[in-house]
Amino acid sequence: MKTHPHYETLQQIIRPYLPEDVDPDTVGPDSRLVADLNINSAHLVDIVLDVEDRFDIRLEDADMQEMATVADALGVIDSKLNNP
């Protein structure tokens, strides 16, 4: 999954929203955005907005609910890019 074409871009989007107690190097495909990375709901919304801007896609509420892990987020991004 770390070789996924959008993995590094998503990492760059997530990194600024990580709290100080989370080491960015520990973020992996199976990292849960809220439970493992301690990203709060306000920052989660910011991440979604950044993903929309960066990939020029539109995410609905249902898409956001599916984005529990980094891998899930990549799956949603792929789905939106392949089915505009």
PDB file of N, CA and C in Angstrom:
ATOM      1  N   MET A   1       0.824  -1.202   0.000  1.00  0.00           N
ATOM      2  CA  MET A   1       0.000   0.000   0.000  1.00  0.00           C
ATOM      3  C   MET A   1       0.865   1.262   0.000  1.00  0.00           C
ATOM      4  N   LYS A   2       2.061   1.185   0.602  1.00  0.00           N
ATOM      5  CA  LYS A   2       2.925   2.360   0.611  1.00  0.00           C
ATOM      6  C   LYS A   2       3.428   2.703  -0.781  1.00  0.00           C
ATOM      7  N   THR A   3       3.249   1.778  -1.720  1.00  0.00           N
ATOM      8  CA  THR A   3       3.628   2.050  -3.097  1.00  0.00           C
ATOM      9  C   THR A   3       2.452   2.588  -3.907  1.00  0.00           C
ATOM     10  N   HIS A   4       1.319   2.760  -3.261  1.00  0.00           N
ATOM     11  CA  HIS A   4       0.133   3.303  -3.922  1.00  0.00           C
ATOM     12  C   HIS A   4       0.485   4.672  -4.499  1.00  0.00           C
ATOM     13  N   PRO A   5       0.021   4.982  -5.692  1.00  0.00           N
ATOM     14  CA  PRO A   5       0.419   6.237  -6.335  1.00  0.00           C
ATOM     15  C   PRO A   5       0.022   7.508  -5.563  1.00  0.00           C
ATOM     16  N   HIS A   6      -0.977   7.420  -4.710  1.00  0.00           N
ATOM     17  CA  HIS A   6      -1.420   8.612  -3.977  1.00  0.00           C
ATOM     18  C   HIS A   6      -1.029   8.584  -2.500  1.00  0.00           C
ATOM     19  N   TYR A   7      -0.292   7.560  -2.096  1.00  0.00           N
ATOM     20  CA  TYR A   7       0.048   7.387  -0.679  1.00  0.00           C
ATOM     21  C   TYR A   7       0.846   8.580  -0.146  1.00  0.00           C
ATOM     22  N   GLU A   8       1.890   8.974  -0.839  1.00  0.00           N
ATOM     23  CA  GLU A   8       2.732  10.074  -0.362  1.00  0.00           C
ATOM     24  C   GLU A   8       1.960  11.385  -0.312  1.00  0.00           C
ATOM     25  N   THR A   9       1.108  11.611  -1.298  1.00  0.00           N
ATOM     26  CA  THR A   9       0.300  12.834  -1.309  1.00  0.00           C
ATOM     27  C   THR A   9      -0.636  12.856  -0.111  1.00  0.00           C
ATOM     28  N   LEU A  10      -1.273  11.736   0.162  1.00  0.00           N
ATOM     29  CA  LEU A  10      -2.166  11.675   1.319  1.00  0.00           C
ATOM     30  C   LEU A  10      -1.383  11.865   2.611  1.00  0.00           C
ATOM     31  N   GLN A  11      -0.200  11.292   2.697  1.00  0.00           N
ATOM     32  CA  GLN A  11       0.661  11.480   3.875  1.00  0.00           C
ATOM     33  C   GLN A  11       0.940  12.968   4.088  1.00  0.00           C
ATOM     34  N   GLN A  12       1.255  13.677   3.013  1.00  0.00           N
ATOM     35  CA  GLN A  12       1.539  15.106   3.097  1.00  0.00           C
ATOM     36  C   GLN A  12       0.320  15.897   3.552  1.00  0.00           C
ATOM     37  N   ILE A  13      -0.858  15.451   3.136  1.00  0.00           N
ATOM     38  CA  ILE A  13      -2.092  16.126   3.559  1.00  0.00           C
ATOM     39  C   ILE A  13      -2.350  15.888   5.046  1.00  0.00           C
ATOM     40  N   ILE A  14      -2.147  14.669   5.507  1.00  0.00           N
ATOM     41  CA  ILE A  14      -2.436  14.304   6.897  1.00  0.00           C
ATOM     42  C   ILE A  14      -1.425  14.903   7.875  1.00  0.00           C
ATOM     43  N   ARG A  15      -0.176  14.932   7.499  1.00  0.00           N
ATOM     44  CA  ARG A  15       0.925  15.317   8.406  1.00  0.00           C
ATOM     45  C   ARG A  15       0.676  16.598   9.211  1.00  0.00           C
ATOM     46  N   PRO A  16       0.238  17.706   8.612  1.00  0.00           N
ATOM     47  CA  PRO A  16       0.059  18.936   9.401  1.00  0.00           C
ATOM     48  C   PRO A  16      -1.033  18.842  10.478  1.00  0.00           C
ATOM     49  N   TYR A  17      -1.905  17.874  10.360  1.00  0.00           N
ATOM     50  CA  TYR A  17      -3.013  17.741  11.300  1.00  0.00           C
ATOM     51  C   TYR A  17      -2.746  16.759  12.434  1.00  0.00           C
ATOM     52  N   LEU A  18      -1.579  16.145  12.404  1.00  0.00           N
ATOM     53  CA  LEU A  18      -1.241  15.204  13.479  1.00  0.00           C
ATOM     54  C   LEU A  18      -0.915  15.976  14.753  1.00  0.00           C
ATOM     55  N   PRO A  19      -1.430  15.516  15.887  1.00  0.00           N
ATOM     56  CA  PRO A  19      -1.062  16.160  17.146  1.00  0.00           C
ATOM     57  C   PRO A  19       0.415  15.920  17.451  1.00  0.00           C
ATOM     58  N   GLU A  20       0.966  16.742  18.323  1.00  0.00           N
ATOM     59  CA  GLU A  20       2.393  16.669  18.642  1.00  0.00           C
ATOM     60  C   GLU A  20       2.816  15.310  19.185  1.00  0.00           C
ATOM     61  N   ASP A  21       1.895  14.582  19.823  1.00  0.00           N
ATOM     62  CA  ASP A  21       2.267  13.297  20.420  1.00  0.00           C
ATOM     63  C   ASP A  21       2.266  12.134  19.427  1.00  0.00           C
ATOM     64  N   VAL A  22       1.987  12.402  18.143  1.00  0.00           N
ATOM     65  CA  VAL A  22       1.989  11.355  17.132  1.00  0.00           C
ATOM     66  C   VAL A  22       3.174  11.578  16.192  1.00  0.00           C
ATOM     67  N   ASP A  23       4.035  10.578  16.115  1.00  0.00           N
ATOM     68  CA  ASP A  23       5.203  10.625  15.238  1.00  0.00           C
ATOM     69  C   ASP A  23       4.740  10.384  13.796  1.00  0.00           C
ATOM     70  N   PRO A  24       4.975  11.336  12.907  1.00  0.00           N
ATOM     71  CA  PRO A  24       4.536  11.165  11.515  1.00  0.00           C
ATOM     72  C   PRO A  24       5.085   9.906  10.857  1.00  0.00           C
ATOM     73  N   ASP A  25       6.228   9.427  11.313  1.00  0.00           N
ATOM     74  CA  ASP A  25       6.822   8.228  10.732  1.00  0.00           C
ATOM     75  C   ASP A  25       6.066   6.953  11.095  1.00  0.00           C
ATOM     76  N   THR A  26       5.157   7.047  12.068  1.00  0.00           N
ATOM     77  CA  THR A  26       4.382   5.868  12.465  1.00  0.00           C
ATOM     78  C   THR A  26       3.095   5.720  11.653  1.00  0.00           C
ATOM     79  N   VAL A  27       2.791   6.696  10.819  1.00  0.00           N
ATOM     80  CA  VAL A  27       1.569   6.648  10.013  1.00  0.00           C
ATOM     81  C   VAL A  27       1.758   5.621   8.906  1.00  0.00           C
ATOM     82  N   GLY A  28       0.829   4.672   8.851  1.00  0.00           N
ATOM     83  CA  GLY A  28       0.872   3.636   7.835  1.00  0.00           C
ATOM     84  C   GLY A  28      -0.502   3.391   7.261  1.00  0.00           C
ATOM     85  N   PRO A  29      -0.612   2.508   6.290  1.00  0.00           N
ATOM     86  CA  PRO A  29      -1.899   2.237   5.654  1.00  0.00           C
ATOM     87  C   PRO A  29      -2.989   1.793   6.626  1.00  0.00           C
ATOM     88  N   ASP A  30      -2.598   1.058   7.671  1.00  0.00           N
ATOM     89  CA  ASP A  30      -3.600   0.558   8.616  1.00  0.00           C
ATOM     90  C   ASP A  30      -3.885   1.528   9.760  1.00  0.00           C
ATOM     91  N   SER A  31      -3.228   2.674   9.764  1.00  0.00           N
ATOM     92  CA  SER A  31      -3.451   3.653  10.831  1.00  0.00           C
ATOM     93  C   SER A  31      -4.872   4.194  10.754  1.00  0.00           C
ATOM     94  N   ARG A  32      -5.553   4.130  11.881  1.00  0.00           N
ATOM     95  CA  ARG A  32      -6.908   4.685  11.955  1.00  0.00           C
ATOM     96  C   ARG A  32      -6.781   6.181  12.223  1.00  0.00           C
ATOM     97  N   LEU A  33      -7.452   6.973  11.409  1.00  0.00           N
ATOM     98  CA  LEU A  33      -7.296   8.421  11.470  1.00  0.00           C
ATOM     99  C   LEU A  33      -7.642   8.990  12.843  1.00  0.00           C
ATOM    100  N   VAL A  34      -8.715   8.531  13.430  1.00  0.00           N
ATOM    101  CA  VAL A  34      -9.143   9.076  14.719  1.00  0.00           C
ATOM    102  C   VAL A  34      -8.524   8.302  15.880  1.00  0.00           C
ATOM    103  N   ALA A  35      -8.672   7.001  15.896  1.00  0.00           N
ATOM    104  CA  ALA A  35      -8.246   6.194  17.045  1.00  0.00           C
ATOM    105  C   ALA A  35      -6.726   6.117  17.201  1.00  0.00           C
ATOM    106  N   ASP A  36      -5.997   5.929  16.110  1.00  0.00           N
ATOM    107  CA  ASP A  36      -4.549   5.769  16.199  1.00  0.00           C
ATOM    108  C   ASP A  36      -3.802   7.092  16.073  1.00  0.00           C
ATOM    109  N   LEU A  37      -4.272   7.948  15.184  1.00  0.00           N
ATOM    110  CA  LEU A  37      -3.551   9.190  14.906  1.00  0.00           C
ATOM    111  C   LEU A  37      -4.072  10.376  15.699  1.00  0.00           C
ATOM    112  N   ASN A  38      -5.129  10.156  16.473  1.00  0.00           N
ATOM    113  CA  ASN A  38      -5.704  11.197  17.335  1.00  0.00           C
ATOM    114  C   ASN A  38      -6.096  12.464  16.578  1.00  0.00           C
ATOM    115  N   ILE A  39      -6.563  12.293  15.364  1.00  0.00           N
ATOM    116  CA  ILE A  39      -7.021  13.435  14.580  1.00  0.00           C
ATOM    117  C   ILE A  39      -8.445  13.757  15.023  1.00  0.00           C
ATOM    118  N   ASN A  40      -8.655  14.999  15.443  1.00  0.00           N
ATOM    119  CA  ASN A  40      -9.988  15.376  15.935  1.00  0.00           C
ATOM    120  C   ASN A  40     -10.934  15.640  14.762  1.00  0.00           C
ATOM    121  N   SER A  41     -12.199  15.753  15.057  1.00  0.00           N
ATOM    122  CA  SER A  41     -13.213  15.862  14.008  1.00  0.00           C
ATOM    123  C   SER A  41     -13.040  17.125  13.161  1.00  0.00           C
ATOM    124  N   ALA A  42     -12.618  18.226  13.765  1.00  0.00           N
ATOM    125  CA  ALA A  42     -12.405  19.452  12.993  1.00  0.00           C
ATOM    126  C   ALA A  42     -11.266  19.268  11.991  1.00  0.00           C
ATOM    127  N   HIS A  43     -10.202  18.630  12.435  1.00  0.00           N
ATOM    128  CA  HIS A  43      -9.080  18.386  11.527  1.00  0.00           C
ATOM    129  C   HIS A  43      -9.427  17.347  10.475  1.00  0.00           C
ATOM    130  N   LEU A  44     -10.291  16.419  10.820  1.00  0.00           N
ATOM    131  CA  LEU A  44     -10.729  15.423   9.842  1.00  0.00           C
ATOM    132  C   LEU A  44     -11.465  16.109   8.690  1.00  0.00           C
ATOM    133  N   VAL A  45     -12.280  17.084   9.032  1.00  0.00           N
ATOM    134  CA  VAL A  45     -12.977  17.863   7.998  1.00  0.00           C
ATOM    135  C   VAL A  45     -11.952  18.607   7.133  1.00  0.00           C
ATOM    136  N   ASP A  46     -10.936  19.183   7.772  1.00  0.00           N
ATOM    137  CA  ASP A  46      -9.886  19.877   7.024  1.00  0.00           C
ATOM    138  C   ASP A  46      -9.162  18.929   6.079  1.00  0.00           C
ATOM    139  N   ILE A  47      -8.888  17.718   6.538  1.00  0.00           N
ATOM    140  CA  ILE A  47      -8.231  16.719   5.698  1.00  0.00           C
ATOM    141  C   ILE A  47      -9.104  16.396   4.489  1.00  0.00           C
ATOM    142  N   VAL A  48     -10.388  16.218   4.724  1.00  0.00           N
ATOM    143  CA  VAL A  48     -11.318  15.921   3.631  1.00  0.00           C
ATOM    144  C   VAL A  48     -11.320  17.066   2.617  1.00  0.00           C
ATOM    145  N   LEU A  49     -11.353  18.286   3.095  1.00  0.00           N
ATOM    146  CA  LEU A  49     -11.343  19.444   2.191  1.00  0.00           C
ATOM    147  C   LEU A  49     -10.040  19.508   1.400  1.00  0.00           C
ATOM    148  N   ASP A  50      -8.936  19.226   2.060  1.00  0.00           N
ATOM    149  CA  ASP A  50      -7.639  19.215   1.376  1.00  0.00           C
ATOM    150  C   ASP A  50      -7.571  18.112   0.325  1.00  0.00           C
ATOM    151  N   VAL A  51      -8.127  16.941   0.649  1.00  0.00           N
ATOM    152  CA  VAL A  51      -8.170  15.831  -0.311  1.00  0.00           C
ATOM    153  C   VAL A  51      -9.006  16.236  -1.526  1.00  0.00           C
ATOM    154  N   GLU A  52     -10.150  16.858  -1.278  1.00  0.00           N
ATOM    155  CA  GLU A  52     -10.996  17.300  -2.389  1.00  0.00           C
ATOM    156  C   GLU A  52     -10.243  18.272  -3.295  1.00  0.00           C
ATOM    157  N   ASP A  53      -9.554  19.232  -2.680  1.00  0.00           N
ATOM    158  CA  ASP A  53      -8.818  20.223  -3.467  1.00  0.00           C
ATOM    159  C   ASP A  53      -7.664  19.594  -4.228  1.00  0.00           C
ATOM    160  N   ARG A  54      -6.896  18.772  -3.567  1.00  0.00           N
ATOM    161  CA  ARG A  54      -5.691  18.201  -4.176  1.00  0.00           C
ATOM    162  C   ARG A  54      -6.012  17.249  -5.326  1.00  0.00           C
ATOM    163  N   PHE A  55      -7.061  16.450  -5.154  1.00  0.00           N
ATOM    164  CA  PHE A  55      -7.390  15.455  -6.168  1.00  0.00           C
ATOM    165  C   PHE A  55      -8.542  15.892  -7.084  1.00  0.00           C
ATOM    166  N   ASP A  56      -9.070  17.095  -6.846  1.00  0.00           N
ATOM    167  CA  ASP A  56     -10.172  17.637  -7.636  1.00  0.00           C
ATOM    168  C   ASP A  56     -11.347  16.658  -7.685  1.00  0.00           C
ATOM    169  N   ILE A  57     -11.753  16.221  -6.486  1.00  0.00           N
ATOM    170  CA  ILE A  57     -12.892  15.310  -6.339  1.00  0.00           C
ATOM    171  C   ILE A  57     -13.856  15.905  -5.317  1.00  0.00           C
ATOM    172  N   ARG A  58     -15.034  15.349  -5.267  1.00  0.00           N
ATOM    173  CA  ARG A  58     -16.047  15.767  -4.291  1.00  0.00           C
ATOM    174  C   ARG A  58     -16.371  14.576  -3.410  1.00  0.00           C
ATOM    175  N   LEU A  59     -16.218  14.735  -2.092  1.00  0.00           N
ATOM    176  CA  LEU A  59     -16.513  13.664  -1.147  1.00  0.00           C
ATOM    177  C   LEU A  59     -17.838  13.943  -0.446  1.00  0.00           C
ATOM    178  N   GLU A  60     -18.677  12.956  -0.424  1.00  0.00           N
ATOM    179  CA  GLU A  60     -19.975  13.057   0.249  1.00  0.00           C
ATOM    180  C   GLU A  60     -19.828  12.554   1.684  1.00  0.00           C
ATOM    181  N   ASP A  61     -20.860  12.745   2.491  1.00  0.00           N
ATOM    182  CA  ASP A  61     -20.834  12.291   3.883  1.00  0.00           C
ATOM    183  C   ASP A  61     -20.557  10.788   3.974  1.00  0.00           C
ATOM    184  N   ALA A  62     -21.154  10.018   3.086  1.00  0.00           N
ATOM    185  CA  ALA A  62     -20.950   8.563   3.103  1.00  0.00           C
ATOM    186  C   ALA A  62     -19.491   8.218   2.830  1.00  0.00           C
ATOM    187  N   ASP A  63     -18.850   8.983   1.955  1.00  0.00           N
ATOM    188  CA  ASP A  63     -17.430   8.747   1.663  1.00  0.00           C
ATOM    189  C   ASP A  63     -16.592   9.010   2.904  1.00  0.00           C
ATOM    190  N   MET A  64     -16.926  10.069   3.610  1.00  0.00           N
ATOM    191  CA  MET A  64     -16.175  10.420   4.818  1.00  0.00           C
ATOM    192  C   MET A  64     -16.317   9.336   5.883  1.00  0.00           C
ATOM    193  N   GLN A  65     -17.489   8.734   5.965  1.00  0.00           N
ATOM    194  CA  GLN A  65     -17.724   7.667   6.931  1.00  0.00           C
ATOM    195  C   GLN A  65     -16.878   6.438   6.619  1.00  0.00           C
ATOM    196  N   GLU A  66     -16.558   6.245   5.348  1.00  0.00           N
ATOM    197  CA  GLU A  66     -15.760   5.092   4.926  1.00  0.00           C
ATOM    198  C   GLU A  66     -14.274   5.287   5.187  1.00  0.00           C
ATOM    199  N   MET A  67     -13.858   6.503   5.462  1.00  0.00           N
ATOM    200  CA  MET A  67     -12.442   6.821   5.596  1.00  0.00           C
ATOM    201  C   MET A  67     -11.947   6.644   7.038  1.00  0.00           C
ATOM    202  N   ALA A  68     -11.970   5.413   7.515  1.00  0.00           N
ATOM    203  CA  ALA A  68     -11.534   5.140   8.884  1.00  0.00           C
ATOM    204  C   ALA A  68     -10.008   5.042   8.975  1.00  0.00           C
ATOM    205  N   THR A  69      -9.388   4.466   7.953  1.00  0.00           N
ATOM    206  CA  THR A  69      -7.931   4.293   7.961  1.00  0.00           C
ATOM    207  C   THR A  69      -7.330   5.015   6.753  1.00  0.00           C
ATOM    208  N   VAL A  70      -6.008   5.095   6.749  1.00  0.00           N
ATOM    209  CA  VAL A  70      -5.312   5.679   5.608  1.00  0.00           C
ATOM    210  C   VAL A  70      -5.628   4.872   4.349  1.00  0.00           C
ATOM    211  N   ALA A  71      -5.614   3.551   4.444  1.00  0.00           N
ATOM    212  CA  ALA A  71      -5.936   2.689   3.301  1.00  0.00           C
ATOM    213  C   ALA A  71      -7.367   2.913   2.820  1.00  0.00           C
ATOM    214  N   ASP A  72      -8.296   3.089   3.760  1.00  0.00           N
ATOM    215  CA  ASP A  72      -9.686   3.380   3.388  1.00  0.00           C
ATOM    216  C   ASP A  72      -9.769   4.692   2.607  1.00  0.00           C
ATOM    217  N   ALA A  73      -9.041   5.692   3.076  1.00  0.00           N
ATOM    218  CA  ALA A  73      -9.041   6.990   2.402  1.00  0.00           C
ATOM    219  C   ALA A  73      -8.512   6.852   0.980  1.00  0.00           C
ATOM    220  N   LEU A  74      -7.448   6.067   0.811  1.00  0.00           N
ATOM    221  CA  LEU A  74      -6.908   5.839  -0.529  1.00  0.00           C
ATOM    222  C   LEU A  74      -7.928   5.137  -1.418  1.00  0.00           C
ATOM    223  N   GLY A  75      -8.677   4.200  -0.847  1.00  0.00           N
ATOM    224  CA  GLY A  75      -9.719   3.510  -1.601  1.00  0.00           C
ATOM    225  C   GLY A  75     -10.812   4.454  -2.060  1.00  0.00           C
ATOM    226  N   VAL A  76     -11.213   5.361  -1.190  1.00  0.00           N
ATOM    227  CA  VAL A  76     -12.244   6.343  -1.548  1.00  0.00           C
ATOM    228  C   VAL A  76     -11.718   7.278  -2.639  1.00  0.00           C
ATOM    229  N   ILE A  77     -10.469   7.717  -2.496  1.00  0.00           N
ATOM    230  CA  ILE A  77      -9.869   8.593  -3.505  1.00  0.00           C
ATOM    231  C   ILE A  77      -9.837   7.878  -4.858  1.00  0.00           C
ATOM    232  N   ASP A  78      -9.385   6.629  -4.865  1.00  0.00           N
ATOM    233  CA  ASP A  78      -9.351   5.857  -6.114  1.00  0.00           C
ATOM    234  C   ASP A  78     -10.732   5.726  -6.726  1.00  0.00           C
ATOM    235  N   SER A  79     -11.710   5.435  -5.899  1.00  0.00           N
ATOM    236  CA  SER A  79     -13.076   5.264  -6.373  1.00  0.00           C
ATOM    237  C   SER A  79     -13.587   6.541  -7.043  1.00  0.00           C
ATOM    238  N   LYS A  80     -13.319   7.673  -6.408  1.00  0.00           N
ATOM    239  CA  LYS A  80     -13.774   8.952  -6.951  1.00  0.00           C
ATOM    240  C   LYS A  80     -13.028   9.325  -8.233  1.00  0.00           C
ATOM    241  N   LEU A  81     -11.744   9.042  -8.273  1.00  0.00           N
ATOM    242  CA  LEU A  81     -10.964   9.366  -9.467  1.00  0.00           C
ATOM    243  C   LEU A  81     -11.337   8.482 -10.649  1.00  0.00           C
ATOM    244  N   ASN A  82     -11.703   7.235 -10.362  1.00  0.00           N
ATOM    245  CA  ASN A  82     -12.056   6.300 -11.428  1.00  0.00           C
ATOM    246  C   ASN A  82     -13.516   6.378 -11.851  1.00  0.00           C
ATOM    247  N   ASN A  83     -14.352   7.002 -11.013  1.00  0.00           N
ATOM    248  CA  ASN A  83     -15.785   7.147 -11.302  1.00  0.00           C
ATOM    249  C   ASN A  83     -16.225   8.571 -11.001  1.00  0.00           C
ATOM    250  N   PRO A  84     -15.787   9.526 -11.813  1.00  0.00           N
ATOM    251  CA  PRO A  84     -16.091  10.944 -11.508  1.00  0.00           C
ATOM    252  C   PRO A  84     -17.553  11.264 -11.546  1.00  0.00           C
TER     253      PRO A  84
END
